[in-house]
Amino acid sequence: MKENCAIKVEGAGYGIIMSSDENKLFGGRIGKPKVAICPKCGEVSIYVEDVQKL
């Protein structure tokens, strides 16, 4: 797996932020998701590096 890739929303200047509380605008942020891609089959896995914030 090729790790530490990024996810970007096409046509938007912002990225994706994961949060533990959808009701808070800036609170509960877990961080940006990372992506791992298998160079053989193309499987994509989304993961979080800092699991302590979960």
C-alpha atoms as a PDB file:
ATOM      1  CA  MET A   1       0.000   0.000   0.000  1.00  0.00           C
ATOM      2  CA  LYS A   2       1.202   3.481  -0.825  1.00  0.00           C
ATOM      3  CA  GLU A   3       0.340   5.425   2.344  1.00  0.00           C
ATOM      4  CA  ASN A   4       0.134   9.087   3.350  1.00  0.00           C
ATOM      5  CA  CYS A   5      -1.811  10.193   0.267  1.00  0.00           C
ATOM      6  CA  ALA A   6      -4.431  12.948   0.506  1.00  0.00           C
ATOM      7  CA  ILE A   7      -8.110  13.331  -0.360  1.00  0.00           C
ATOM      8  CA  LYS A   8      -9.169  16.514  -2.120  1.00  0.00           C
ATOM      9  CA  VAL A   9     -12.600  17.668  -3.205  1.00  0.00           C
ATOM     10  CA  GLU A  10     -12.461  18.564  -6.883  1.00  0.00           C
ATOM     11  CA  GLY A  11     -13.387  22.174  -7.576  1.00  0.00           C
ATOM     12  CA  ALA A  12     -13.090  23.269  -3.961  1.00  0.00           C
ATOM     13  CA  GLY A  13     -10.235  24.975  -2.129  1.00  0.00           C
ATOM     14  CA  TYR A  14     -11.039  23.283   1.158  1.00  0.00           C
ATOM     15  CA  GLY A  15     -10.404  19.689   2.125  1.00  0.00           C
ATOM     16  CA  ILE A  16     -12.130  17.194   4.383  1.00  0.00           C
ATOM     17  CA  ILE A  17     -11.929  17.486   8.171  1.00  0.00           C
ATOM     18  CA  MET A  18     -13.233  14.705  10.402  1.00  0.00           C
ATOM     19  CA  SER A  19     -15.029  15.649  13.605  1.00  0.00           C
ATOM     20  CA  SER A  20     -16.363  13.661  16.549  1.00  0.00           C
ATOM     21  CA  ASP A  21     -19.306  16.076  17.003  1.00  0.00           C
ATOM     22  CA  GLU A  22     -21.230  17.212  13.918  1.00  0.00           C
ATOM     23  CA  ASN A  23     -23.134  19.832  15.963  1.00  0.00           C
ATOM     24  CA  LYS A  24     -19.992  21.847  16.741  1.00  0.00           C
ATOM     25  CA  LEU A  25     -18.553  24.041  14.008  1.00  0.00           C
ATOM     26  CA  PHE A  26     -14.895  23.791  15.082  1.00  0.00           C
ATOM     27  CA  GLY A  27     -15.028  21.486  18.106  1.00  0.00           C
ATOM     28  CA  GLY A  28     -14.223  17.817  18.238  1.00  0.00           C
ATOM     29  CA  ARG A  29     -11.875  17.839  15.268  1.00  0.00           C
ATOM     30  CA  ILE A  30     -10.121  14.543  14.751  1.00  0.00           C
ATOM     31  CA  GLY A  31      -8.017  15.719  11.838  1.00  0.00           C
ATOM     32  CA  LYS A  32      -7.635  15.208   8.132  1.00  0.00           C
ATOM     33  CA  PRO A  33      -8.121  11.708   6.753  1.00  0.00           C
ATOM     34  CA  LYS A  34      -5.193  10.034   5.044  1.00  0.00           C
ATOM     35  CA  VAL A  35      -5.462   7.636   2.127  1.00  0.00           C
ATOM     36  CA  ALA A  36      -3.557   4.459   1.278  1.00  0.00           C
ATOM     37  CA  ILE A  37      -3.744   3.095  -2.276  1.00  0.00           C
ATOM     38  CA  CYS A  38      -2.773  -0.388  -3.412  1.00  0.00           C
ATOM     39  CA  PRO A  39      -0.613  -0.021  -6.554  1.00  0.00           C
ATOM     40  CA  LYS A  40      -1.560  -3.544  -7.736  1.00  0.00           C
ATOM     41  CA  CYS A  41      -5.361  -3.581  -7.497  1.00  0.00           C
ATOM     42  CA  GLY A  42      -6.275   0.076  -6.849  1.00  0.00           C
ATOM     43  CA  GLU A  43      -7.989  -0.555  -3.496  1.00  0.00           C
ATOM     44  CA  VAL A  44      -8.337   2.680  -1.501  1.00  0.00           C
ATOM     45  CA  SER A  45      -8.287   2.761   2.320  1.00  0.00           C
ATOM     46  CA  ILE A  46      -9.067   5.885   4.342  1.00  0.00           C
ATOM     47  CA  TYR A  47      -7.455   6.115   7.785  1.00  0.00           C
ATOM     48  CA  VAL A  48      -6.638   8.535  10.616  1.00  0.00           C
ATOM     49  CA  GLU A  49      -3.067   8.825  11.887  1.00  0.00           C
ATOM     50  CA  ASP A  50      -3.829  10.204  15.365  1.00  0.00           C
ATOM     51  CA  VAL A  51      -6.284   7.719  16.905  1.00  0.00           C
ATOM     52  CA  GLN A  52      -5.823   9.296  20.354  1.00  0.00           C
ATOM     53  CA  LYS A  53      -8.379  11.980  19.388  1.00  0.00           C
ATOM     54  CA  LEU A  54     -11.079   9.348  18.857  1.00  0.00           C
END
